[in-house]
Structure formats: C-alpha cells, structure tokens
Amino acid sequence: MTLPVSHHDHDHLIELGQLGKIIANALLMLTEGVLVPTAILYAAMRTVGPVPGLIGVIAWCLLTIAVRWAVGKRVPSTLLLVIGVLVLRTGVALATSSVLLFLLQPIAASALMSLVFIGSAVFGRPVTQRLAQDFVRLPERLLADRRVRRMFIEVALVWGISRALDAGLSLGSLEFGTSFGVLIRGVLSVGLTILSVAACTYWGWRRMRAIPGVRFRFGTPQVA
C-alpha cells in the first residue's frame, strides 16, 4: 500500500559525495586487499609452494600499509580492516600449514553473513539500513518511511542470497583442489561481490527515486 504524500515528502535531499572518487578508492582497495594477495598466493602455489605464498601475502599487506604511511597518504579504516583480517587468516593458515583453512575462513564468513542479512530482513530489522548510513547521510524522516524500510529489506535479501551463493560456489570449487579454490575465491567471488553491490545500488536508487520529493545530489556537500 502506497503511503499518502505529505509535506515531508518534498525536502528529502540525499548527498552522495564525489562518486568518481569513491569508486576509484574502492577499486584501489580491492586491488590492494584482494586481487594482488590472490595473485601472489596462486602464483606461489603453482611454483614454489603454499608456505612461501602465504608469507608473500603477509609481506604484501605490510608493504601496502608501509608505502601509504611513507608517502603521507591516509590509510582508510576499511583497508585496515580488510588487511587486518587477511593477515589474521594468513597467520592461522601458516600456523597450521593449511591453505585449505585459509580458504574455509572466508567461506564460513560468507555463510554467516548470509544468515545475518536474510535473518534481519525476515524480522523486519534490515541491517542494510544501518550500514547505508556509513556511506550516505539519510534524513531521519526518510528513514522512518515504510517504503524506505521495505527497500532496505529487499536489498538485505538480495545481499544475503548473494553471500549464500558465494559460499556455495567457493566451497564447491575446493573439489578441484586448493589452488583452483584460491583462484575462484579471488576472481569469481570478487566478481559476484561487485555484481551484487551494483544490483543492490541500482535497486535502492530505483526505489528511492520512486518516493515523491526525494532528490540526489552528487559532488562535495554544500556547507550552510
């Protein structure tokens, strides 16, 4: 049922910031935190063995942070989190001499994430609504709108299903060996994540645009 349009529906301005800069930073972090470590580990497993590959992953992570600090470039919190988790995973794999364990950790994380997102949607408290506010500032009155909550529930379901698919594909790839599993996790999983982000973004944009009075503005937020 569509809610009646009130005078509150005419002043919802959503600042999206500099989209190009956001995308460029996201791609850089994806390269630093996922693609290069995957390439290092896969190449090592095909040549010198898994242990040198795991050591190479840790060395790359430390080098990434060191270079940013050396040139005076800010280290994003998201990158620190990604690299911190990667170093922890790699350390556990080194301690157990098991690349399989290195691969199983993110698979378990994807499965858990799927349960969290789908569960939050089923219970009507979509976690996507809280996460979105880390990237986009949404007016309080807009967050209280039932149409907006329904959109966040739908996005949570899409993301939850994509994480379940990611876990299933990654787990299935291990039947062909750990080196193939590394490649699939680093390439197919990243591709699925990017596709899921694009799908969720498009769906959210479409739903929000359908609400009367909602406007989007790109670029640097204006200061009153």
Protein backbone atom coordinates (compact mmCIF):
# COMPACT_ATOMS: atom_id res chain seq x y z
CA MET A 1 0.00 0.00 0.00
CA THR A 2 1.44 3.38 -1.02
CA LEU A 3 1.66 5.95 1.70
CA PRO A 4 -0.08 9.30 1.10
CA VAL A 5 2.20 12.14 0.10
CA SER A 6 2.69 14.64 2.91
CA HIS A 7 4.58 17.91 3.11
CA HIS A 8 7.52 15.90 4.47
CA ASP A 9 7.94 14.26 1.06
CA HIS A 10 9.26 17.44 -0.54
CA ASP A 11 12.53 18.15 1.26
CA HIS A 12 14.50 14.90 1.23
CA LEU A 13 17.94 15.76 -0.21
CA ILE A 14 20.47 12.91 -0.19
CA GLU A 15 24.13 13.87 -0.57
CA LEU A 16 26.12 11.24 -2.46
CA GLY A 17 29.52 12.95 -2.44
CA GLN A 18 32.06 12.63 -5.26
CA LEU A 19 31.03 9.35 -6.88
CA GLY A 20 34.10 9.04 -9.12
CA LYS A 21 36.46 9.41 -6.18
CA ILE A 22 34.51 6.87 -4.13
CA ILE A 23 34.63 4.30 -6.95
CA ALA A 24 38.36 4.90 -7.57
CA ASN A 25 39.18 4.42 -3.88
CA ALA A 26 37.06 1.27 -3.72
CA LEU A 27 38.83 -0.22 -6.76
CA LEU A 28 42.24 0.63 -5.30
CA MET A 29 41.38 -1.07 -2.00
CA LEU A 30 40.00 -4.07 -3.89
CA THR A 31 43.29 -4.38 -5.77
CA GLU A 32 45.44 -3.94 -2.65
CA GLY A 33 43.41 -6.12 -0.33
CA VAL A 34 42.11 -8.90 -2.60
CA LEU A 35 43.41 -9.13 -6.16
CA VAL A 36 47.16 -8.80 -5.55
CA PRO A 37 47.23 -11.15 -2.50
CA THR A 38 45.25 -13.71 -4.51
CA ALA A 39 47.70 -13.46 -7.43
CA ILE A 40 50.68 -13.84 -5.07
CA LEU A 41 49.29 -16.94 -3.36
CA TYR A 42 48.10 -18.58 -6.58
CA ALA A 43 51.43 -17.99 -8.38
CA ALA A 44 53.38 -19.34 -5.41
CA MET A 45 51.22 -22.46 -5.13
CA ARG A 46 51.87 -23.20 -8.79
CA THR A 47 55.63 -22.71 -8.42
CA VAL A 48 57.41 -22.60 -5.05
CA GLY A 49 54.65 -23.87 -2.77
CA PRO A 50 51.90 -22.61 -0.43
CA VAL A 51 54.06 -21.57 2.55
CA PRO A 52 56.15 -19.02 0.58
CA GLY A 53 52.87 -17.82 -0.93
CA LEU A 54 51.31 -17.21 2.49
CA ILE A 55 54.46 -15.41 3.62
CA GLY A 56 54.29 -13.33 0.44
CA VAL A 57 50.69 -12.35 1.23
CA ILE A 58 51.67 -11.09 4.69
CA ALA A 59 54.68 -9.25 3.21
CA TRP A 60 52.42 -7.57 0.64
CA CYS A 61 49.95 -6.47 3.33
CA LEU A 62 52.70 -4.91 5.43
CA LEU A 63 54.23 -3.25 2.35
CA THR A 64 50.86 -1.75 1.38
CA ILE A 65 50.44 -0.06 4.75
CA ALA A 66 54.12 1.00 4.93
CA VAL A 67 54.04 2.65 1.50
CA ARG A 68 50.90 4.62 2.31
CA TRP A 69 52.41 5.85 5.55
CA ALA A 70 55.75 6.66 3.88
CA VAL A 71 54.14 8.89 1.23
CA GLY A 72 51.88 10.51 3.80
CA LYS A 73 48.71 9.03 2.35
CA ARG A 74 45.84 8.31 4.71
CA VAL A 75 45.15 4.63 5.37
CA PRO A 76 41.35 4.12 5.20
CA SER A 77 39.77 2.28 8.11
CA THR A 78 38.13 -0.11 5.65
CA LEU A 79 41.52 -1.03 4.16
CA LEU A 80 43.00 -1.53 7.62
CA LEU A 81 40.11 -3.85 8.48
CA VAL A 82 40.45 -5.84 5.23
CA ILE A 83 44.21 -6.21 5.56
CA GLY A 84 43.96 -6.97 9.28
CA VAL A 85 41.53 -9.81 8.61
CA LEU A 86 43.69 -11.05 5.72
CA VAL A 87 46.83 -11.09 7.89
CA LEU A 88 44.93 -12.95 10.62
CA ARG A 89 43.66 -15.54 8.14
CA THR A 90 47.11 -15.96 6.64
CA GLY A 91 48.71 -16.27 10.07
CA VAL A 92 46.31 -19.04 11.06
CA ALA A 93 46.98 -20.83 7.76
CA LEU A 94 50.75 -20.54 8.30
CA ALA A 95 50.49 -21.82 11.87
CA THR A 96 48.58 -24.87 10.68
CA SER A 97 50.39 -25.17 7.31
CA SER A 98 46.96 -25.38 5.69
CA VAL A 99 45.87 -23.33 2.67
CA LEU A 100 42.53 -25.13 2.98
CA LEU A 101 41.95 -23.40 6.30
CA PHE A 102 42.86 -20.08 4.63
CA LEU A 103 40.02 -20.68 2.17
CA LEU A 104 37.46 -22.07 4.60
CA GLN A 105 37.54 -18.99 6.85
CA PRO A 106 36.01 -16.54 4.31
CA ILE A 107 33.57 -19.22 3.14
CA ALA A 108 32.30 -19.56 6.71
CA ALA A 109 32.18 -15.77 6.99
CA SER A 110 30.07 -15.52 3.80
CA ALA A 111 27.67 -18.17 5.10
CA LEU A 112 27.33 -16.34 8.42
CA MET A 113 26.83 -13.03 6.65
CA SER A 114 24.08 -14.58 4.56
CA LEU A 115 22.24 -15.71 7.69
CA VAL A 116 22.60 -12.27 9.29
CA PHE A 117 21.29 -10.34 6.28
CA ILE A 118 18.43 -12.70 5.45
CA GLY A 119 17.50 -13.01 9.13
CA SER A 120 17.44 -9.23 9.58
CA ALA A 121 15.14 -8.94 6.55
CA VAL A 122 12.79 -11.67 7.79
CA PHE A 123 12.45 -9.98 11.18
CA GLY A 124 11.91 -6.56 9.61
CA ARG A 125 15.09 -5.01 11.00
CA PRO A 126 17.33 -4.88 7.91
CA VAL A 127 21.00 -4.46 8.77
CA THR A 128 21.41 -2.69 5.42
CA GLN A 129 19.63 0.34 6.83
CA ARG A 130 22.35 0.86 9.42
CA LEU A 131 25.20 0.05 7.03
CA ALA A 132 23.94 2.51 4.41
CA GLN A 133 24.33 5.38 6.86
CA ASP A 134 28.10 4.78 6.93
CA PHE A 135 28.24 5.90 3.29
CA VAL A 136 25.20 8.12 2.69
CA ARG A 137 23.54 10.55 5.06
CA LEU A 138 19.80 9.91 5.07
CA PRO A 139 17.27 12.30 6.68
CA GLU A 140 15.64 10.87 9.80
CA ARG A 141 12.13 11.41 8.46
CA LEU A 142 13.04 9.46 5.34
CA LEU A 143 14.37 6.55 7.40
CA ALA A 144 11.01 6.37 9.18
CA ASP A 145 9.16 5.94 5.86
CA ARG A 146 7.75 2.43 5.36
CA ARG A 147 8.70 2.48 1.69
CA VAL A 148 12.33 3.09 2.60
CA ARG A 149 12.34 0.30 5.18
CA ARG A 150 10.82 -2.06 2.59
CA MET A 151 13.59 -1.12 0.15
CA PHE A 152 16.26 -1.89 2.76
CA ILE A 153 14.58 -5.25 3.48
CA GLU A 154 14.67 -6.14 -0.22
CA VAL A 155 18.33 -5.11 -0.52
CA ALA A 156 19.18 -7.19 2.57
CA LEU A 157 17.56 -10.23 0.94
CA VAL A 158 19.49 -9.71 -2.30
CA TRP A 159 22.79 -9.34 -0.44
CA GLY A 160 22.07 -12.32 1.79
CA ILE A 161 21.29 -14.55 -1.20
CA SER A 162 24.46 -13.39 -2.97
CA ARG A 163 26.57 -14.26 0.09
CA ALA A 164 24.98 -17.73 0.24
CA LEU A 165 25.76 -18.21 -3.46
CA ASP A 166 29.33 -17.01 -2.87
CA ALA A 167 29.83 -19.51 -0.05
CA GLY A 168 28.34 -22.36 -2.11
CA LEU A 169 30.45 -21.66 -5.22
CA SER A 170 33.64 -21.23 -3.20
CA LEU A 171 33.05 -24.44 -1.28
CA GLY A 172 32.25 -26.35 -4.46
CA SER A 173 35.44 -25.11 -6.14
CA LEU A 174 37.54 -26.86 -3.47
CA GLU A 175 36.64 -30.20 -5.09
CA PHE A 176 39.06 -29.25 -7.87
CA GLY A 177 41.94 -28.54 -5.49
CA THR A 178 43.11 -25.72 -3.24
CA SER A 179 44.97 -23.81 -5.98
CA PHE A 180 41.76 -23.70 -8.04
CA GLY A 181 39.89 -22.69 -4.89
CA VAL A 182 42.28 -19.76 -4.38
CA LEU A 183 41.71 -18.60 -7.95
CA ILE A 184 37.94 -18.92 -7.75
CA ARG A 185 37.80 -17.16 -4.38
CA GLY A 186 39.90 -14.28 -5.65
CA VAL A 187 38.26 -13.83 -9.05
CA LEU A 188 34.74 -15.28 -9.17
CA SER A 189 33.95 -14.24 -5.60
CA VAL A 190 35.12 -10.67 -6.26
CA GLY A 191 33.12 -10.55 -9.47
CA LEU A 192 30.00 -11.78 -7.68
CA THR A 193 30.51 -9.20 -4.94
CA ILE A 194 30.84 -6.36 -7.45
CA LEU A 195 27.73 -7.57 -9.30
CA SER A 196 25.81 -7.80 -6.00
CA VAL A 197 26.84 -4.29 -4.97
CA ALA A 198 25.76 -2.96 -8.37
CA ALA A 199 22.40 -4.77 -8.15
CA CYS A 200 21.72 -3.54 -4.60
CA THR A 201 22.74 0.02 -5.50
CA TYR A 202 20.53 0.07 -8.57
CA TRP A 203 17.56 -1.38 -6.70
CA GLY A 204 17.93 1.08 -3.85
CA TRP A 205 18.32 4.00 -6.25
CA ARG A 206 15.23 2.95 -8.20
CA ARG A 207 13.10 2.52 -5.09
CA MET A 208 14.21 5.84 -3.56
CA ARG A 209 13.63 7.72 -6.82
CA ALA A 210 10.02 6.48 -6.78
CA ILE A 211 9.34 8.32 -3.50
CA PRO A 212 7.96 11.82 -4.14
CA GLY A 213 10.27 14.63 -3.04
CA VAL A 214 13.48 12.57 -2.81
CA ARG A 215 16.39 14.23 -4.61
CA PHE A 216 20.02 13.14 -5.02
CA ARG A 217 23.00 15.45 -5.28
CA PHE A 218 26.50 14.45 -6.35
CA GLY A 219 29.69 16.32 -5.55
CA THR A 220 31.05 17.92 -2.40
CA PRO A 221 28.26 18.55 0.13
CA GLN A 222 27.43 22.21 0.44
CA VAL A 223 28.12 23.86 3.78
CA ALA A 224 25.43 26.19 5.03
